[in-house]
């Protein structure tokens, strides 16, 4: 009977130790996976931060370009002003030619 109790106690202790090792292995495995996940999350966070910095720079550059850009309304006004200037120069040129012609034919 004692040998039976000893056997059962030994088997129980062996199972307890075995379960303990199994639990420890699972704990180590889970801890490694968690550490890898944290490292991946950190890397992803850094990438997101880099992308956010790029977006901020692009937004800043766009704002500067937008402030310096010419609107369609401004282009239309410039176009009208150039046409007016061309008309004035053409008119002045015709008048000058007429004066020169008169001066040449008076003599």
PDB file of N, CA and C in Angstrom:
ATOM      1  N   UNK A   1       0.809  -1.175   0.000  1.00  0.00           N
ATOM      2  CA  UNK A   1       0.000   0.000   0.000  1.00  0.00           C
ATOM      3  C   UNK A   1       0.861   1.251   0.000  1.00  0.00           C
ATOM      4  N   UNK A   2       1.941   1.197   0.776  1.00  0.00           N
ATOM      5  CA  UNK A   2       2.835   2.344   0.824  1.00  0.00           C
ATOM      6  C   UNK A   2       3.465   2.595  -0.536  1.00  0.00           C
ATOM      7  N   UNK A   3       3.776   1.509  -1.188  1.00  0.00           N
ATOM      8  CA  UNK A   3       4.392   1.680  -2.506  1.00  0.00           C
ATOM      9  C   UNK A   3       3.390   2.258  -3.494  1.00  0.00           C
ATOM     10  N   UNK A   4       2.125   1.912  -3.320  1.00  0.00           N
ATOM     11  CA  UNK A   4       1.086   2.465  -4.178  1.00  0.00           C
ATOM     12  C   UNK A   4       0.923   3.949  -3.911  1.00  0.00           C
ATOM     13  N   UNK A   5       0.905   4.328  -2.627  1.00  0.00           N
ATOM     14  CA  UNK A   5       0.797   5.753  -2.284  1.00  0.00           C
ATOM     15  C   UNK A   5       2.024   6.506  -2.774  1.00  0.00           C
ATOM     16  N   UNK A   6       3.169   5.927  -2.630  1.00  0.00           N
ATOM     17  CA  UNK A   6       4.404   6.556  -3.108  1.00  0.00           C
ATOM     18  C   UNK A   6       4.375   6.727  -4.614  1.00  0.00           C
ATOM     19  N   UNK A   7       3.881   5.668  -5.283  1.00  0.00           N
ATOM     20  CA  UNK A   7       3.773   5.740  -6.738  1.00  0.00           C
ATOM     21  C   UNK A   7       2.827   6.856  -7.156  1.00  0.00           C
ATOM     22  N   UNK A   8       1.655   6.904  -6.524  1.00  0.00           N
ATOM     23  CA  UNK A   8       0.676   7.945  -6.854  1.00  0.00           C
ATOM     24  C   UNK A   8       1.204   9.338  -6.531  1.00  0.00           C
ATOM     25  N   UNK A   9       1.914   9.451  -5.397  1.00  0.00           N
ATOM     26  CA  UNK A   9       2.502  10.747  -5.037  1.00  0.00           C
ATOM     27  C   UNK A   9       3.562  11.128  -6.061  1.00  0.00           C
ATOM     28  N   UNK A  10       4.353  10.176  -6.482  1.00  0.00           N
ATOM     29  CA  UNK A  10       5.392  10.446  -7.483  1.00  0.00           C
ATOM     30  C   UNK A  10       4.794  10.859  -8.818  1.00  0.00           C
ATOM     31  N   UNK A  11       3.751  10.122  -9.236  1.00  0.00           N
ATOM     32  CA  UNK A  11       3.069  10.461 -10.491  1.00  0.00           C
ATOM     33  C   UNK A  11       2.443  11.843 -10.396  1.00  0.00           C
ATOM     34  N   UNK A  12       1.823  12.130  -9.252  1.00  0.00           N
ATOM     35  CA  UNK A  12       1.202  13.449  -9.051  1.00  0.00           C
ATOM     36  C   UNK A  12       2.243  14.554  -9.078  1.00  0.00           C
ATOM     37  N   UNK A  13       3.377  14.311  -8.424  1.00  0.00           N
ATOM     38  CA  UNK A  13       4.450  15.310  -8.417  1.00  0.00           C
ATOM     39  C   UNK A  13       5.011  15.486  -9.824  1.00  0.00           C
ATOM     40  N   UNK A  14       5.185  14.363 -10.522  1.00  0.00           N
ATOM     41  CA  UNK A  14       5.715  14.439 -11.893  1.00  0.00           C
ATOM     42  C   UNK A  14       4.754  15.213 -12.796  1.00  0.00           C
ATOM     43  N   UNK A  15       3.458  14.948 -12.647  1.00  0.00           N
ATOM     44  CA  UNK A  15       2.465  15.682 -13.447  1.00  0.00           C
ATOM     45  C   UNK A  15       2.469  17.169 -13.093  1.00  0.00           C
ATOM     46  N   UNK A  16       2.611  17.469 -11.823  1.00  0.00           N
ATOM     47  CA  UNK A  16       2.637  18.866 -11.385  1.00  0.00           C
ATOM     48  C   UNK A  16       3.858  19.576 -11.957  1.00  0.00           C
ATOM     49  N   UNK A  17       5.012  18.889 -11.898  1.00  0.00           N
ATOM     50  CA  UNK A  17       6.243  19.474 -12.445  1.00  0.00           C
ATOM     51  C   UNK A  17       6.119  19.614 -13.957  1.00  0.00           C
ATOM     52  N   UNK A  18       5.564  18.593 -14.594  1.00  0.00           N
ATOM     53  CA  UNK A  18       5.374  18.621 -16.039  1.00  0.00           C
ATOM     54  C   UNK A  18       4.466  19.780 -16.433  1.00  0.00           C
ATOM     55  N   UNK A  19       3.352  19.923 -15.714  1.00  0.00           N
ATOM     56  CA  UNK A  19       2.439  21.044 -15.978  1.00  0.00           C
ATOM     57  C   UNK A  19       3.126  22.372 -15.733  1.00  0.00           C
ATOM     58  N   UNK A  20       3.954  22.412 -14.700  1.00  0.00           N
ATOM     59  CA  UNK A  20       4.686  23.634 -14.388  1.00  0.00           C
ATOM     60  C   UNK A  20       5.631  24.005 -15.526  1.00  0.00           C
ATOM     61  N   UNK A  21       6.359  23.019 -16.076  1.00  0.00           N
ATOM     62  CA  UNK A  21       7.256  23.282 -17.199  1.00  0.00           C
ATOM     63  C   UNK A  21       6.466  23.709 -18.432  1.00  0.00           C
ATOM     64  N   UNK A  22       5.360  23.035 -18.669  1.00  0.00           N
ATOM     65  CA  UNK A  22       4.509  23.382 -19.797  1.00  0.00           C
ATOM     66  C   UNK A  22       3.987  24.814 -19.640  1.00  0.00           C
ATOM     67  N   UNK A  23       3.530  25.151 -18.447  1.00  0.00           N
ATOM     68  CA  UNK A  23       3.052  26.506 -18.170  1.00  0.00           C
ATOM     69  C   UNK A  23       4.174  27.512 -18.371  1.00  0.00           C
ATOM     70  N   UNK A  24       5.375  27.183 -17.897  1.00  0.00           N
ATOM     71  CA  UNK A  24       6.522  28.080 -18.041  1.00  0.00           C
ATOM     72  C   UNK A  24       6.857  28.282 -19.528  1.00  0.00           C
ATOM     73  N   UNK A  25       6.856  27.202 -20.308  1.00  0.00           N
ATOM     74  CA  UNK A  25       7.131  27.308 -21.746  1.00  0.00           C
ATOM     75  C   UNK A  25       6.089  28.196 -22.438  1.00  0.00           C
ATOM     76  N   UNK A  26       4.829  27.991 -22.107  1.00  0.00           N
ATOM     77  CA  UNK A  26       3.765  28.816 -22.674  1.00  0.00           C
ATOM     78  C   UNK A  26       3.934  30.281 -22.273  1.00  0.00           C
ATOM     79  N   UNK A  27       4.313  30.512 -21.038  1.00  0.00           N
ATOM     80  CA  UNK A  27       4.536  31.864 -20.535  1.00  0.00           C
ATOM     81  C   UNK A  27       5.674  32.541 -21.307  1.00  0.00           C
ATOM     82  N   UNK A  28       6.773  31.810 -21.489  1.00  0.00           N
ATOM     83  CA  UNK A  28       7.917  32.353 -22.224  1.00  0.00           C
ATOM     84  C   UNK A  28       7.522  32.642 -23.674  1.00  0.00           C
ATOM     85  N   UNK A  29       6.829  31.701 -24.287  1.00  0.00           N
ATOM     86  CA  UNK A  29       6.385  31.871 -25.679  1.00  0.00           C
ATOM     87  C   UNK A  29       5.458  33.091 -25.803  1.00  0.00           C
ATOM     88  N   UNK A  30       4.513  33.205 -24.894  1.00  0.00           N
ATOM     89  CA  UNK A  30       3.582  34.344 -24.918  1.00  0.00           C
ATOM     90  C   UNK A  30       4.310  35.654 -24.686  1.00  0.00           C
ATOM     91  N   UNK A  31       5.278  35.648 -23.785  1.00  0.00           N
ATOM     92  CA  UNK A  31       6.041  36.856 -23.496  1.00  0.00           C
ATOM     93  C   UNK A  31       6.837  37.296 -24.721  1.00  0.00           C
ATOM     94  N   UNK A  32       7.439  36.333 -25.415  1.00  0.00           N
ATOM     95  CA  UNK A  32       8.183  36.658 -26.643  1.00  0.00           C
ATOM     96  C   UNK A  32       7.257  37.237 -27.702  1.00  0.00           C
ATOM     97  N   UNK A  33       6.099  36.609 -27.873  1.00  0.00           N
ATOM     98  CA  UNK A  33       5.137  37.107 -28.861  1.00  0.00           C
ATOM     99  C   UNK A  33       4.682  38.520 -28.512  1.00  0.00           C
ATOM    100  N   UNK A  34       4.456  38.765 -27.228  1.00  0.00           N
ATOM    101  CA  UNK A  34       4.053  40.096 -26.798  1.00  0.00           C
ATOM    102  C   UNK A  34       5.158  41.109 -27.076  1.00  0.00           C
ATOM    103  N   UNK A  35       6.404  40.744 -26.789  1.00  0.00           N
ATOM    104  CA  UNK A  35       7.535  41.640 -27.046  1.00  0.00           C
ATOM    105  C   UNK A  35       7.672  41.928 -28.539  1.00  0.00           C
ATOM    106  N   UNK A  36       7.474  40.912 -29.372  1.00  0.00           N
ATOM    107  CA  UNK A  36       7.529  41.110 -30.824  1.00  0.00           C
ATOM    108  C   UNK A  36       6.397  42.031 -31.278  1.00  0.00           C
ATOM    109  N   UNK A  37       5.205  41.828 -30.720  1.00  0.00           N
ATOM    110  CA  UNK A  37       4.071  42.679 -31.072  1.00  0.00           C
ATOM    111  C   UNK A  37       4.320  44.123 -30.671  1.00  0.00           C
ATOM    112  N   UNK A  38       4.905  44.323 -29.507  1.00  0.00           N
ATOM    113  CA  UNK A  38       5.217  45.680 -29.043  1.00  0.00           C
ATOM    114  C   UNK A  38       6.249  46.318 -29.967  1.00  0.00           C
ATOM    115  N   UNK A  39       7.262  45.553 -30.386  1.00  0.00           N
ATOM    116  CA  UNK A  39       8.282  46.072 -31.303  1.00  0.00           C
ATOM    117  C   UNK A  39       7.658  46.439 -32.652  1.00  0.00           C
ATOM    118  N   UNK A  40       6.773  45.574 -33.153  1.00  0.00           N
ATOM    119  CA  UNK A  40       6.090  45.865 -34.416  1.00  0.00           C
ATOM    120  C   UNK A  40       5.215  47.099 -34.285  1.00  0.00           C
ATOM    121  N   UNK A  41       4.526  47.229 -33.166  1.00  0.00           N
ATOM    122  CA  UNK A  41       3.679  48.396 -32.937  1.00  0.00           C
ATOM    123  C   UNK A  41       4.532  49.663 -32.881  1.00  0.00           C
ATOM    124  N   UNK A  42       5.683  49.579 -32.234  1.00  0.00           N
ATOM    125  CA  UNK A  42       6.585  50.726 -32.151  1.00  0.00           C
ATOM    126  C   UNK A  42       7.057  51.122 -33.550  1.00  0.00           C
ATOM    127  N   UNK A  43       7.441  50.141 -34.359  1.00  0.00           N
ATOM    128  CA  UNK A  43       7.876  50.413 -35.731  1.00  0.00           C
ATOM    129  C   UNK A  43       6.741  51.043 -36.539  1.00  0.00           C
ATOM    130  N   UNK A  44       5.537  50.518 -36.387  1.00  0.00           N
ATOM    131  CA  UNK A  44       4.377  51.073 -37.098  1.00  0.00           C
ATOM    132  C   UNK A  44       4.094  52.500 -36.647  1.00  0.00           C
ATOM    133  N   UNK A  45       4.223  52.734 -35.365  1.00  0.00           N
ATOM    134  CA  UNK A  45       3.998  54.079 -34.834  1.00  0.00           C
ATOM    135  C   UNK A  45       5.022  55.052 -35.407  1.00  0.00           C
ATOM    136  N   UNK A  46       6.256  54.625 -35.522  1.00  0.00           N
ATOM    137  CA  UNK A  46       7.297  55.484 -36.103  1.00  0.00           C
ATOM    138  C   UNK A  46       6.983  55.797 -37.561  1.00  0.00           C
ATOM    139  N   UNK A  47       6.510  54.788 -38.305  1.00  0.00           N
ATOM    140  CA  UNK A  47       6.142  55.024 -39.705  1.00  0.00           C
ATOM    141  C   UNK A  47       4.996  56.019 -39.801  1.00  0.00           C
ATOM    142  N   UNK A  48       4.000  55.859 -38.950  1.00  0.00           N
ATOM    143  CA  UNK A  48       2.864  56.791 -38.949  1.00  0.00           C
ATOM    144  C   UNK A  48       3.355  58.195 -38.620  1.00  0.00           C
ATOM    145  N   UNK A  49       4.259  58.305 -37.660  1.00  0.00           N
ATOM    146  CA  UNK A  49       4.818  59.610 -37.284  1.00  0.00           C
ATOM    147  C   UNK A  49       5.569  60.221 -38.471  1.00  0.00           C
ATOM    148  N   UNK A  50       6.355  59.396 -39.190  1.00  0.00           N
ATOM    149  CA  UNK A  50       7.070  59.885 -40.372  1.00  0.00           C
ATOM    150  C   UNK A  50       6.086  60.366 -41.432  1.00  0.00           C
ATOM    151  N   UNK A  51       5.023  59.580 -41.666  1.00  0.00           N
ATOM    152  CA  UNK A  51       4.016  59.973 -42.646  1.00  0.00           C
ATOM    153  C   UNK A  51       3.330  61.275 -42.232  1.00  0.00           C
ATOM    154  N   UNK A  52       3.056  61.422 -40.955  1.00  0.00           N
ATOM    155  CA  UNK A  52       2.423  62.643 -40.461  1.00  0.00           C
ATOM    156  C   UNK A  52       3.344  63.846 -40.677  1.00  0.00           C
ATOM    157  N   UNK A  53       4.637  63.670 -40.452  1.00  0.00           N
ATOM    158  CA  UNK A  53       5.597  64.749 -40.693  1.00  0.00           C
ATOM    159  C   UNK A  53       5.634  65.131 -42.170  1.00  0.00           C
ATOM    160  N   UNK A  54       5.623  64.118 -43.033  1.00  0.00           N
ATOM    161  CA  UNK A  54       5.616  64.386 -44.478  1.00  0.00           C
ATOM    162  C   UNK A  54       4.355  65.139 -44.866  1.00  0.00           C
ATOM    163  N   UNK A  55       3.216  64.713 -44.347  1.00  0.00           N
ATOM    164  CA  UNK A  55       1.945  65.372 -44.651  1.00  0.00           C
ATOM    165  C   UNK A  55       1.980  66.819 -44.173  1.00  0.00           C
ATOM    166  N   UNK A  56       2.532  67.069 -43.001  1.00  0.00           N
ATOM    167  CA  UNK A  56       2.623  68.432 -42.491  1.00  0.00           C
ATOM    168  C   UNK A  56       3.502  69.298 -43.396  1.00  0.00           C
ATOM    169  N   UNK A  57       4.638  68.742 -43.854  1.00  0.00           N
ATOM    170  CA  UNK A  57       5.515  69.506 -44.748  1.00  0.00           C
ATOM    171  C   UNK A  57       4.819  69.803 -46.077  1.00  0.00           C
ATOM    172  N   UNK A  58       4.144  68.801 -46.626  1.00  0.00           N
ATOM    173  CA  UNK A  58       3.431  69.003 -47.892  1.00  0.00           C
ATOM    174  C   UNK A  58       2.327  70.043 -47.710  1.00  0.00           C
ATOM    175  N   UNK A  59       1.605  69.967 -46.604  1.00  0.00           N
ATOM    176  CA  UNK A  59       0.547  70.937 -46.333  1.00  0.00           C
ATOM    177  C   UNK A  59       1.129  72.339 -46.201  1.00  0.00           C
ATOM    178  N   UNK A  60       2.256  72.458 -45.524  1.00  0.00           N
ATOM    179  CA  UNK A  60       2.912  73.763 -45.360  1.00  0.00           C
ATOM    180  C   UNK A  60       3.354  74.307 -46.723  1.00  0.00           C
ATOM    181  N   UNK A  61       3.993  73.448 -47.532  1.00  0.00           N
ATOM    182  CA  UNK A  61       4.424  73.866 -48.867  1.00  0.00           C
ATOM    183  C   UNK A  61       3.234  74.254 -49.733  1.00  0.00           C
ATOM    184  N   UNK A  62       2.158  73.484 -49.649  1.00  0.00           N
ATOM    185  CA  UNK A  62       0.955  73.792 -50.424  1.00  0.00           C
ATOM    186  C   UNK A  62       0.372  75.138 -50.011  1.00  0.00           C
ATOM    187  N   UNK A  63       0.354  75.404 -48.706  1.00  0.00           N
ATOM    188  CA  UNK A  63      -0.172  76.677 -48.223  1.00  0.00           C
ATOM    189  C   UNK A  63       0.657  77.838 -48.749  1.00  0.00           C
ATOM    190  N   UNK A  64       1.980  77.672 -48.763  1.00  0.00           N
ATOM    191  CA  UNK A  64       2.840  78.729 -49.293  1.00  0.00           C
ATOM    192  C   UNK A  64       2.609  78.930 -50.784  1.00  0.00           C
ATOM    193  N   UNK A  65       2.489  77.817 -51.519  1.00  0.00           N
ATOM    194  CA  UNK A  65       2.252  77.922 -52.956  1.00  0.00           C
ATOM    195  C   UNK A  65       0.892  78.547 -53.243  1.00  0.00           C
ATOM    196  N   UNK A  66      -0.086  78.189 -52.450  1.00  0.00           N
ATOM    197  CA  UNK A  66      -1.433  78.725 -52.635  1.00  0.00           C
ATOM    198  C   UNK A  66      -1.446  80.231 -52.401  1.00  0.00           C
ATOM    199  N   UNK A  67      -0.669  80.667 -51.392  1.00  0.00           N
ATOM    200  CA  UNK A  67      -0.604  82.098 -51.093  1.00  0.00           C
ATOM    201  C   UNK A  67       0.063  82.865 -52.232  1.00  0.00           C
ATOM    202  N   UNK A  68       0.965  82.215 -52.959  1.00  0.00           N
ATOM    203  CA  UNK A  68       1.688  82.879 -54.038  1.00  0.00           C
ATOM    204  C   UNK A  68       1.032  82.667 -55.404  1.00  0.00           C
ATOM    205  N   UNK A  69       0.042  81.827 -55.466  1.00  0.00           N
ATOM    206  CA  UNK A  69      -0.585  81.479 -56.741  1.00  0.00           C
ATOM    207  C   UNK A  69      -1.430  82.638 -57.267  1.00  0.00           C
ATOM    208  N   UNK A  70      -1.598  82.635 -58.562  1.00  0.00           N
ATOM    209  CA  UNK A  70      -2.409  83.651 -59.225  1.00  0.00           C
ATOM    210  C   UNK A  70      -3.779  83.043 -59.502  1.00  0.00           C
ATOM    211  N   UNK A  71      -4.807  83.795 -59.231  1.00  0.00           N
ATOM    212  CA  UNK A  71      -6.158  83.295 -59.466  1.00  0.00           C
ATOM    213  C   UNK A  71      -6.568  83.527 -60.913  1.00  0.00           C
ATOM    214  N   UNK A  72      -7.609  82.857 -61.331  1.00  0.00           N
ATOM    215  CA  UNK A  72      -8.137  83.038 -62.688  1.00  0.00           C
ATOM    216  C   UNK A  72      -8.616  84.476 -62.875  1.00  0.00           C
ATOM    217  N   UNK A  73      -9.170  85.056 -61.840  1.00  0.00           N
ATOM    218  CA  UNK A  73      -9.632  86.450 -61.895  1.00  0.00           C
ATOM    219  C   UNK A  73      -8.447  87.391 -62.149  1.00  0.00           C
ATOM    220  N   UNK A  74      -7.330  87.138 -61.447  1.00  0.00           N
ATOM    221  CA  UNK A  74      -6.136  87.951 -61.648  1.00  0.00           C
ATOM    222  C   UNK A  74      -5.595  87.799 -63.067  1.00  0.00           C
ATOM    223  N   UNK A  75      -5.639  86.569 -63.592  1.00  0.00           N
ATOM    224  CA  UNK A  75      -5.168  86.336 -64.961  1.00  0.00           C
ATOM    225  C   UNK A  75      -6.039  87.066 -65.982  1.00  0.00           C
ATOM    226  N   UNK A  76      -7.345  87.048 -65.782  1.00  0.00           N
ATOM    227  CA  UNK A  76      -8.249  87.764 -66.683  1.00  0.00           C
ATOM    228  C   UNK A  76      -7.975  89.267 -66.669  1.00  0.00           C
ATOM    229  N   UNK A  77      -7.743  89.812 -65.487  1.00  0.00           N
ATOM    230  CA  UNK A  77      -7.433  91.247 -65.372  1.00  0.00           C
ATOM    231  C   UNK A  77      -6.120  91.549 -66.084  1.00  0.00           C
ATOM    232  N   UNK A  78      -5.121  90.721 -65.896  1.00  0.00           N
ATOM    233  CA  UNK A  78      -3.841  90.911 -66.557  1.00  0.00           C
ATOM    234  C   UNK A  78      -3.990  90.827 -68.074  1.00  0.00           C
ATOM    235  N   UNK A  79      -4.792  89.888 -68.521  1.00  0.00           N
ATOM    236  CA  UNK A  79      -5.042  89.730 -69.951  1.00  0.00           C
ATOM    237  C   UNK A  79      -5.691  90.988 -70.524  1.00  0.00           C
ATOM    238  N   UNK A  80      -6.697  91.535 -69.836  1.00  0.00           N
ATOM    239  CA  UNK A  80      -7.356  92.770 -70.287  1.00  0.00           C
ATOM    240  C   UNK A  80      -6.367  93.928 -70.315  1.00  0.00           C
ATOM    241  N   UNK A  81      -5.521  94.008 -69.280  1.00  0.00           N
ATOM    242  CA  UNK A  81      -4.539  95.084 -69.220  1.00  0.00           C
ATOM    243  C   UNK A  81      -3.536  94.986 -70.376  1.00  0.00           C
ATOM    244  N   UNK A  82      -3.131  93.769 -70.710  1.00  0.00           N
ATOM    245  CA  UNK A  82      -2.197  93.583 -71.826  1.00  0.00           C
ATOM    246  C   UNK A  82      -2.867  93.965 -73.142  1.00  0.00           C
ATOM    247  N   UNK A  83      -4.125  93.596 -73.336  1.00  0.00           N
ATOM    248  CA  UNK A  83      -4.844  93.982 -74.551  1.00  0.00           C
ATOM    249  C   UNK A  83      -4.960  95.505 -74.644  1.00  0.00           C
ATOM    250  N   UNK A  84      -5.270  96.152 -73.532  1.00  0.00           N
ATOM    251  CA  UNK A  84      -5.373  97.613 -73.525  1.00  0.00           C
ATOM    252  C   UNK A  84      -4.028  98.246 -73.873  1.00  0.00           C
ATOM    253  N   UNK A  85      -2.963  97.716 -73.269  1.00  0.00           N
ATOM    254  CA  UNK A  85      -1.631  98.230 -73.549  1.00  0.00           C
ATOM    255  C   UNK A  85      -1.275  98.031 -75.016  1.00  0.00           C
ATOM    256  N   UNK A  86      -1.597  96.864 -75.568  1.00  0.00           N
ATOM    257  CA  UNK A  86      -1.336  96.597 -76.981  1.00  0.00           C
ATOM    258  C   UNK A  86      -2.122  97.558 -77.865  1.00  0.00           C
ATOM    259  N   UNK A  87      -3.386  97.767 -77.550  1.00  0.00           N
ATOM    260  CA  UNK A  87      -4.204  98.700 -78.322  1.00  0.00           C
ATOM    261  C   UNK A  87      -3.615 100.108 -78.272  1.00  0.00           C
ATOM    262  N   UNK A  88      -3.207 100.537 -77.076  1.00  0.00           N
ATOM    263  CA  UNK A  88      -2.633 101.876 -76.919  1.00  0.00           C
ATOM    264  C   UNK A  88      -1.345 101.997 -77.730  1.00  0.00           C
ATOM    265  N   UNK A  89      -0.494 100.965 -77.656  1.00  0.00           N
ATOM    266  CA  UNK A  89       0.757 101.009 -78.409  1.00  0.00           C
ATOM    267  C   UNK A  89       0.499 101.000 -79.910  1.00  0.00           C
ATOM    268  N   UNK A  90      -0.474 100.219 -80.345  1.00  0.00           N
ATOM    269  CA  UNK A  90      -0.813 100.182 -81.773  1.00  0.00           C
ATOM    270  C   UNK A  90      -1.324 101.543 -82.230  1.00  0.00           C
ATOM    271  N   UNK A  91      -2.183 102.152 -81.431  1.00  0.00           N
ATOM    272  CA  UNK A  91      -2.732 103.475 -81.751  1.00  0.00           C
ATOM    273  C   UNK A  91      -1.606 104.513 -81.803  1.00  0.00           C
ATOM    274  N   UNK A  92      -0.714 104.492 -80.801  1.00  0.00           N
ATOM    275  CA  UNK A  92       0.407 105.431 -80.777  1.00  0.00           C
ATOM    276  C   UNK A  92       1.330 105.214 -81.973  1.00  0.00           C
ATOM    277  N   UNK A  93       1.522 103.954 -82.346  1.00  0.00           N
ATOM    278  CA  UNK A  93       2.367 103.644 -83.499  1.00  0.00           C
ATOM    279  C   UNK A  93       1.759 104.220 -84.788  1.00  0.00           C
ATOM    280  N   UNK A  94       0.457 104.057 -84.968  1.00  0.00           N
ATOM    281  CA  UNK A  94      -0.227 104.588 -86.155  1.00  0.00           C
ATOM    282  C   UNK A  94      -0.122 106.118 -86.171  1.00  0.00           C
ATOM    283  N   UNK A  95      -0.312 106.760 -85.032  1.00  0.00           N
ATOM    284  CA  UNK A  95      -0.189 108.217 -84.960  1.00  0.00           C
ATOM    285  C   UNK A  95       1.227 108.673 -85.296  1.00  0.00           C
ATOM    286  N   UNK A  96       2.211 107.961 -84.794  1.00  0.00           N
ATOM    287  CA  UNK A  96       3.606 108.302 -85.066  1.00  0.00           C
ATOM    288  C   UNK A  96       3.912 108.156 -86.552  1.00  0.00           C
ATOM    289  N   UNK A  97       3.418 107.072 -87.145  1.00  0.00           N
ATOM    290  CA  UNK A  97       3.620 106.891 -88.588  1.00  0.00           C
ATOM    291  C   UNK A  97       2.982 108.018 -89.377  1.00  0.00           C
ATOM    292  N   UNK A  98       1.783 108.427 -88.925  1.00  0.00           N
ATOM    293  CA  UNK A  98       1.089 109.515 -89.624  1.00  0.00           C
ATOM    294  C   UNK A  98       1.895 110.810 -89.514  1.00  0.00           C
ATOM    295  N   UNK A  99       2.458 111.134 -88.376  1.00  0.00           N
ATOM    296  CA  UNK A  99       3.271 112.337 -88.189  1.00  0.00           C
ATOM    297  C   UNK A  99       4.525 112.292 -89.063  1.00  0.00           C
ATOM    298  N   UNK A 100       5.161 111.116 -89.060  1.00  0.00           N
ATOM    299  CA  UNK A 100       6.367 110.977 -89.883  1.00  0.00           C
ATOM    300  C   UNK A 100       6.008 111.153 -91.344  1.00  0.00           C
ATOM    301  N   UNK A 101       4.907 110.593 -91.762  1.00  0.00           N
ATOM    302  CA  UNK A 101       4.492 110.713 -93.171  1.00  0.00           C
ATOM    303  C   UNK A 101       4.229 112.177 -93.533  1.00  0.00           C
ATOM    304  N   UNK A 102       3.548 112.904 -92.629  1.00  0.00           N
ATOM    305  CA  UNK A 102       3.262 114.316 -92.870  1.00  0.00           C
ATOM    306  C   UNK A 102       4.555 115.114 -92.946  1.00  0.00           C
ATOM    307  N   UNK A 103       5.507 114.805 -92.052  1.00  0.00           N
ATOM    308  CA  UNK A 103       6.765 115.518 -92.039  1.00  0.00           C
ATOM    309  C   UNK A 103       7.555 115.244 -93.326  1.00  0.00           C
ATOM    310  N   UNK A 104       7.484 114.043 -93.815  1.00  0.00           N
ATOM    311  CA  UNK A 104       8.224 113.702 -95.041  1.00  0.00           C
ATOM    312  C   UNK A 104       7.599 114.357 -96.250  1.00  0.00           C
ATOM    313  N   UNK A 105       6.295 114.545 -96.256  1.00  0.00           N
ATOM    314  CA  UNK A 105       5.615 115.077 -97.437  1.00  0.00           C
ATOM    315  C   UNK A 105       5.459 116.584 -97.397  1.00  0.00           C
ATOM    316  N   UNK A 106       5.812 117.292 -96.393  1.00  0.00           N
ATOM    317  CA  UNK A 106       5.768 118.752 -96.302  1.00  0.00           C
ATOM    318  C   UNK A 106       6.961 119.342 -97.039  1.00  0.00           C
ATOM    319  N   UNK A 107       7.996 118.647 -96.982  1.00  0.00           N
ATOM    320  CA  UNK A 107       9.210 119.220 -97.565  1.00  0.00           C
ATOM    321  C   UNK A 107       9.233 119.230 -99.032  1.00  0.00           C
TER     322      UNK A 107
END
